[in-house]
Every structure is written in C-alpha cells, then in structure tokens.
C-alpha atoms as a PDB file:
ATOM      1  CA  UNK A   1      23.818  -9.204  25.224  1.00  0.00           C
ATOM      2  CA  UNK A   2      23.392  -5.416  25.208  1.00  0.00           C
ATOM      3  CA  UNK A   3      20.360  -3.449  26.314  1.00  0.00           C
ATOM      4  CA  UNK A   4      19.704  -0.924  23.528  1.00  0.00           C
ATOM      5  CA  UNK A   5      16.828   0.735  25.345  1.00  0.00           C
ATOM      6  CA  UNK A   6      13.234   0.974  24.209  1.00  0.00           C
ATOM      7  CA  UNK A   7      12.435  -0.418  20.758  1.00  0.00           C
ATOM      8  CA  UNK A   8      12.460   2.407  18.154  1.00  0.00           C
ATOM      9  CA  UNK A   9      12.473   0.487  14.887  1.00  0.00           C
ATOM     10  CA  UNK A  10      11.847  -3.046  13.737  1.00  0.00           C
ATOM     11  CA  UNK A  11      11.873  -4.381  10.153  1.00  0.00           C
ATOM     12  CA  UNK A  12      11.413  -0.865   8.643  1.00  0.00           C
ATOM     13  CA  UNK A  13       8.698   0.020  11.149  1.00  0.00           C
ATOM     14  CA  UNK A  14       9.304   3.159  13.178  1.00  0.00           C
ATOM     15  CA  UNK A  15       7.852   2.944  16.657  1.00  0.00           C
ATOM     16  CA  UNK A  16       6.889   6.062  18.615  1.00  0.00           C
ATOM     17  CA  UNK A  17       5.622   5.468  22.122  1.00  0.00           C
ATOM     18  CA  UNK A  18       4.016   7.815  24.601  1.00  0.00           C
ATOM     19  CA  UNK A  19       4.024   5.773  27.785  1.00  0.00           C
ATOM     20  CA  UNK A  20       2.251   8.281  30.066  1.00  0.00           C
ATOM     21  CA  UNK A  21      -0.699   8.514  27.652  1.00  0.00           C
ATOM     22  CA  UNK A  22      -0.457   4.824  26.684  1.00  0.00           C
ATOM     23  CA  UNK A  23      -0.209   5.519  22.950  1.00  0.00           C
ATOM     24  CA  UNK A  24       1.704   3.767  20.196  1.00  0.00           C
ATOM     25  CA  UNK A  25       2.287   5.139  16.709  1.00  0.00           C
ATOM     26  CA  UNK A  26       3.723   2.892  13.939  1.00  0.00           C
ATOM     27  CA  UNK A  27       5.140   4.494  10.769  1.00  0.00           C
ATOM     28  CA  UNK A  28       7.211   3.580   7.748  1.00  0.00           C
ATOM     29  CA  UNK A  29       8.444   7.004   6.611  1.00  0.00           C
ATOM     30  CA  UNK A  30      12.093   5.980   6.128  1.00  0.00           C
ATOM     31  CA  UNK A  31      11.069   2.894   4.150  1.00  0.00           C
ATOM     32  CA  UNK A  32       8.761   4.960   1.952  1.00  0.00           C
ATOM     33  CA  UNK A  33      11.417   7.628   1.340  1.00  0.00           C
ATOM     34  CA  UNK A  34      14.002   4.972   0.430  1.00  0.00           C
ATOM     35  CA  UNK A  35      11.603   3.247  -1.977  1.00  0.00           C
ATOM     36  CA  UNK A  36      10.545   6.520  -3.653  1.00  0.00           C
ATOM     37  CA  UNK A  37      14.208   7.544  -4.051  1.00  0.00           C
ATOM     38  CA  UNK A  38      15.071   4.197  -5.655  1.00  0.00           C
ATOM     39  CA  UNK A  39      12.279   4.628  -8.190  1.00  0.00           C
ATOM     40  CA  UNK A  40      12.973   8.306  -8.883  1.00  0.00           C
ATOM     41  CA  UNK A  41       9.705   9.522  -7.365  1.00  0.00           C
ATOM     42  CA  UNK A  42      10.948  11.325  -4.273  1.00  0.00           C
ATOM     43  CA  UNK A  43       9.936  14.739  -5.634  1.00  0.00           C
ATOM     44  CA  UNK A  44       6.761  13.651  -7.452  1.00  0.00           C
ATOM     45  CA  UNK A  45       3.444  15.507  -7.185  1.00  0.00           C
ATOM     46  CA  UNK A  46       1.453  13.797  -4.418  1.00  0.00           C
ATOM     47  CA  UNK A  47      -1.984  12.361  -5.134  1.00  0.00           C
ATOM     48  CA  UNK A  48      -4.942  12.510  -2.755  1.00  0.00           C
ATOM     49  CA  UNK A  49      -6.290   9.126  -3.859  1.00  0.00           C
ATOM     50  CA  UNK A  50      -4.476   5.840  -4.242  1.00  0.00           C
ATOM     51  CA  UNK A  51      -6.431   4.714  -7.313  1.00  0.00           C
ATOM     52  CA  UNK A  52      -8.252   6.324 -10.218  1.00  0.00           C
ATOM     53  CA  UNK A  53     -11.773   4.942 -10.164  1.00  0.00           C
ATOM     54  CA  UNK A  54     -12.225   5.692 -13.855  1.00  0.00           C
ATOM     55  CA  UNK A  55      -9.145   3.717 -14.962  1.00  0.00           C
ATOM     56  CA  UNK A  56     -10.030   0.183 -16.002  1.00  0.00           C
ATOM     57  CA  UNK A  57      -7.207  -2.281 -15.466  1.00  0.00           C
ATOM     58  CA  UNK A  58      -7.430  -5.480 -17.403  1.00  0.00           C
ATOM     59  CA  UNK A  59      -5.619  -7.609 -19.884  1.00  0.00           C
ATOM     60  CA  UNK A  60      -6.864  -5.368 -22.707  1.00  0.00           C
ATOM     61  CA  UNK A  61      -6.359  -2.047 -20.936  1.00  0.00           C
ATOM     62  CA  UNK A  62      -3.274  -1.458 -23.050  1.00  0.00           C
ATOM     63  CA  UNK A  63      -3.788   0.421 -26.330  1.00  0.00           C
ATOM     64  CA  UNK A  64      -1.085  -1.785 -27.853  1.00  0.00           C
ATOM     65  CA  UNK A  65      -3.024  -4.970 -28.526  1.00  0.00           C
ATOM     66  CA  UNK A  66      -0.148  -7.417 -28.191  1.00  0.00           C
ATOM     67  CA  UNK A  67       2.117  -5.693 -25.676  1.00  0.00           C
ATOM     68  CA  UNK A  68       4.728  -8.007 -24.128  1.00  0.00           C
ATOM     69  CA  UNK A  69       6.661  -6.789 -21.127  1.00  0.00           C
ATOM     70  CA  UNK A  70      10.413  -7.427 -21.131  1.00  0.00           C
ATOM     71  CA  UNK A  71      12.097  -9.411 -18.363  1.00  0.00           C
ATOM     72  CA  UNK A  72      13.562  -6.211 -16.895  1.00  0.00           C
ATOM     73  CA  UNK A  73      10.112  -4.549 -16.892  1.00  0.00           C
ATOM     74  CA  UNK A  74       8.600  -7.564 -15.166  1.00  0.00           C
ATOM     75  CA  UNK A  75      11.325  -7.587 -12.522  1.00  0.00           C
ATOM     76  CA  UNK A  76      10.917  -3.860 -11.834  1.00  0.00           C
ATOM     77  CA  UNK A  77       7.111  -4.214 -11.605  1.00  0.00           C
ATOM     78  CA  UNK A  78       7.426  -7.226  -9.282  1.00  0.00           C
ATOM     79  CA  UNK A  79       9.798  -5.247  -7.050  1.00  0.00           C
ATOM     80  CA  UNK A  80       7.529  -2.216  -6.942  1.00  0.00           C
ATOM     81  CA  UNK A  81       4.384  -4.183  -6.187  1.00  0.00           C
ATOM     82  CA  UNK A  82       6.197  -6.299  -3.599  1.00  0.00           C
ATOM     83  CA  UNK A  83       7.344  -3.163  -1.786  1.00  0.00           C
ATOM     84  CA  UNK A  84       3.799  -1.882  -1.701  1.00  0.00           C
ATOM     85  CA  UNK A  85       2.562  -5.224  -0.367  1.00  0.00           C
ATOM     86  CA  UNK A  86       5.120  -5.058   2.437  1.00  0.00           C
ATOM     87  CA  UNK A  87       3.814  -1.634   3.408  1.00  0.00           C
ATOM     88  CA  UNK A  88       0.258  -3.003   3.560  1.00  0.00           C
ATOM     89  CA  UNK A  89       1.347  -5.665   6.022  1.00  0.00           C
ATOM     90  CA  UNK A  90       3.191  -3.149   8.182  1.00  0.00           C
ATOM     91  CA  UNK A  91       1.234   0.087   8.579  1.00  0.00           C
ATOM     92  CA  UNK A  92      -0.712   0.877   5.417  1.00  0.00           C
ATOM     93  CA  UNK A  93      -3.899  -1.178   5.092  1.00  0.00           C
ATOM     94  CA  UNK A  94      -5.413   1.782   3.223  1.00  0.00           C
ATOM     95  CA  UNK A  95      -3.406   0.700   0.146  1.00  0.00           C
ATOM     96  CA  UNK A  96      -4.771  -2.866   0.085  1.00  0.00           C
ATOM     97  CA  UNK A  97      -7.410  -2.465  -2.638  1.00  0.00           C
ATOM     98  CA  UNK A  98      -5.304  -0.427  -5.062  1.00  0.00           C
ATOM     99  CA  UNK A  99      -2.312  -2.721  -4.656  1.00  0.00           C
ATOM    100  CA  UNK A 100      -4.467  -5.826  -5.102  1.00  0.00           C
ATOM    101  CA  UNK A 101      -5.636  -4.440  -8.453  1.00  0.00           C
ATOM    102  CA  UNK A 102      -2.146  -3.713  -9.811  1.00  0.00           C
ATOM    103  CA  UNK A 103      -0.718  -6.980  -8.476  1.00  0.00           C
ATOM    104  CA  UNK A 104      -3.123  -9.013 -10.608  1.00  0.00           C
ATOM    105  CA  UNK A 105      -1.135  -8.153 -13.738  1.00  0.00           C
ATOM    106  CA  UNK A 106       2.417  -9.029 -12.662  1.00  0.00           C
ATOM    107  CA  UNK A 107       2.917 -11.557 -15.451  1.00  0.00           C
ATOM    108  CA  UNK A 108       2.468  -9.075 -18.313  1.00  0.00           C
ATOM    109  CA  UNK A 109       1.893  -5.536 -17.122  1.00  0.00           C
ATOM    110  CA  UNK A 110       1.326  -2.775 -19.624  1.00  0.00           C
ATOM    111  CA  UNK A 111       2.112   0.943 -19.487  1.00  0.00           C
ATOM    112  CA  UNK A 112      -1.438   1.470 -18.143  1.00  0.00           C
ATOM    113  CA  UNK A 113      -0.652  -0.792 -15.200  1.00  0.00           C
ATOM    114  CA  UNK A 114       2.536   1.152 -14.547  1.00  0.00           C
ATOM    115  CA  UNK A 115       0.497   4.350 -14.572  1.00  0.00           C
ATOM    116  CA  UNK A 116      -1.818   2.886 -11.905  1.00  0.00           C
ATOM    117  CA  UNK A 117       1.185   1.775  -9.811  1.00  0.00           C
ATOM    118  CA  UNK A 118       2.776   5.210 -10.129  1.00  0.00           C
ATOM    119  CA  UNK A 119      -0.445   6.779  -8.828  1.00  0.00           C
ATOM    120  CA  UNK A 120      -0.141   4.611  -5.714  1.00  0.00           C
ATOM    121  CA  UNK A 121       3.481   5.796  -5.321  1.00  0.00           C
ATOM    122  CA  UNK A 122       2.295   9.399  -5.609  1.00  0.00           C
ATOM    123  CA  UNK A 123      -0.356   8.765  -2.942  1.00  0.00           C
ATOM    124  CA  UNK A 124       2.285   7.082  -0.810  1.00  0.00           C
ATOM    125  CA  UNK A 125       4.542  10.141  -1.205  1.00  0.00           C
ATOM    126  CA  UNK A 126       1.810  12.489  -0.034  1.00  0.00           C
ATOM    127  CA  UNK A 127       0.832  10.331   2.955  1.00  0.00           C
ATOM    128  CA  UNK A 128       4.275   9.073   4.086  1.00  0.00           C
ATOM    129  CA  UNK A 129       3.725  10.328   7.633  1.00  0.00           C
ATOM    130  CA  UNK A 130       0.548   8.258   8.102  1.00  0.00           C
ATOM    131  CA  UNK A 131       0.560   4.991   9.979  1.00  0.00           C
ATOM    132  CA  UNK A 132      -1.237   3.067  12.654  1.00  0.00           C
ATOM    133  CA  UNK A 133      -2.097   4.829  15.876  1.00  0.00           C
ATOM    134  CA  UNK A 134      -2.998   2.755  18.889  1.00  0.00           C
ATOM    135  CA  UNK A 135      -4.459   4.520  21.908  1.00  0.00           C
ATOM    136  CA  UNK A 136      -5.957   3.422  25.181  1.00  0.00           C
ATOM    137  CA  UNK A 137      -9.538   4.292  24.207  1.00  0.00           C
ATOM    138  CA  UNK A 138     -10.774   0.723  24.077  1.00  0.00           C
ATOM    139  CA  UNK A 139     -12.402   1.249  20.677  1.00  0.00           C
ATOM    140  CA  UNK A 140     -12.885  -2.073  18.930  1.00  0.00           C
ATOM    141  CA  UNK A 141     -15.000  -3.394  16.131  1.00  0.00           C
ATOM    142  CA  UNK A 142     -14.983  -4.630  12.591  1.00  0.00           C
ATOM    143  CA  UNK A 143     -16.040  -3.571   9.135  1.00  0.00           C
ATOM    144  CA  UNK A 144     -16.631  -5.542   5.998  1.00  0.00           C
ATOM    145  CA  UNK A 145     -17.580  -4.801   2.422  1.00  0.00           C
ATOM    146  CA  UNK A 146     -18.147  -6.810  -0.738  1.00  0.00           C
ATOM    147  CA  UNK A 147     -18.518  -6.150  -4.438  1.00  0.00           C
ATOM    148  CA  UNK A 148     -20.429  -9.012  -6.023  1.00  0.00           C
ATOM    149  CA  UNK A 149     -19.159  -9.321  -9.573  1.00  0.00           C
ATOM    150  CA  UNK A 150     -20.866  -6.368 -11.190  1.00  0.00           C
ATOM    151  CA  UNK A 151     -17.740  -5.274 -13.084  1.00  0.00           C
ATOM    152  CA  UNK A 152     -16.742  -6.250 -16.576  1.00  0.00           C
ATOM    153  CA  UNK A 153     -14.701  -9.226 -15.416  1.00  0.00           C
ATOM    154  CA  UNK A 154     -17.577 -10.469 -13.212  1.00  0.00           C
ATOM    155  CA  UNK A 155     -15.295 -11.176 -10.243  1.00  0.00           C
ATOM    156  CA  UNK A 156     -16.387 -10.714  -6.640  1.00  0.00           C
ATOM    157  CA  UNK A 157     -14.197  -8.853  -4.192  1.00  0.00           C
ATOM    158  CA  UNK A 158     -14.553  -8.804  -0.428  1.00  0.00           C
ATOM    159  CA  UNK A 159     -12.558  -7.134   2.293  1.00  0.00           C
ATOM    160  CA  UNK A 160     -12.602  -6.564   6.029  1.00  0.00           C
ATOM    161  CA  UNK A 161     -10.923  -4.580   8.767  1.00  0.00           C
ATOM    162  CA  UNK A 162     -10.872  -5.249  12.507  1.00  0.00           C
ATOM    163  CA  UNK A 163      -9.892  -2.515  14.957  1.00  0.00           C
ATOM    164  CA  UNK A 164      -8.466  -2.608  18.455  1.00  0.00           C
ATOM    165  CA  UNK A 165      -7.778   0.579  20.463  1.00  0.00           C
ATOM    166  CA  UNK A 166      -8.382   2.697  17.409  1.00  0.00           C
ATOM    167  CA  UNK A 167      -6.155   1.038  14.765  1.00  0.00           C
ATOM    168  CA  UNK A 168      -6.381  -1.924  12.413  1.00  0.00           C
ATOM    169  CA  UNK A 169      -5.110  -5.277  13.647  1.00  0.00           C
ATOM    170  CA  UNK A 170      -6.373  -7.338  10.688  1.00  0.00           C
END
C-alpha cells in the first residue's frame, strides 16, 4: 500500500482543503470540461440561467407533430442527461430542477428538449468553477418549496435543501 498524500480527487470530484481555516471546496471543473469537449460545447456562449422559464417542455412541445427520435439520438440524449445527473449528485444541486425537466422526456425527446438541455450545458460552461464550499461557520438549516399542480400538466413538484457548515448536504 502506498500513501499518496492528502486526497485531491475522487470520482471526478476535485477536493481543495484549507486546513488552517477548516474549509473544504468541492468542484467538478475537469469533469465539466471533458463533458463539454465531448459534446462540442467547450467554446459555447455561457448562459446565466440553467432554464428558460418561458419554454414549455412537454410531449407536444415539438412543432413536428409526430417526431420520433432515432436510436442514436436517444442514446446521445440519455448520455447527456445522465452526465448532468451525476453532476447534481456531486457538487451541483443548483441544476436539479432544470435537469429533472429535461430528463422526463428521455424516451422520445424532440429538438425543443435538446435546446433546453443545451441551455443547461451553456449554464454549466459559464459556472464550471462553482461547487460546494464547506466552512467552519456552523451554519445549518433547511429549505423547502413546492409547486402544487398549477401548470398545464397539473403535476405537483416539491424540492428541499439541507445545509451544514454553509453547503448543501441533501
């Protein structure tokens, strides 16, 4: 067994520690850069928001009434959405709502759904250096929100976030 020193990365997470100040910063910049390069979006124009609130995603959001995605399109969409979901679990809970919306249409996504996913990629490109920052402040608490089926599909959506020492733990 070899001692490789302090942990600096783990499963695409980059770990930056400041022991004297008791701070921990978790990032995924290399993972994000690799993903954006694979999808040809490394030099895209960054977006300041992960989702367009005016874009309605649904089964009929495609102007082509009977659009059928090819197997290759479905595989690419699954891969893209899966990569975004992995980032949510690691250091990017801010993407959770937008990714949940685009992941609902993995069986037959349309060009409109790809546009929404590309907007998330653009937001990701502009915020690649963001992550979770844990300090020794002792800040803890929780937040919750719900949307009770007032949209066109009449579905309710709820979410929550719990913080410990200044960053999300759930």
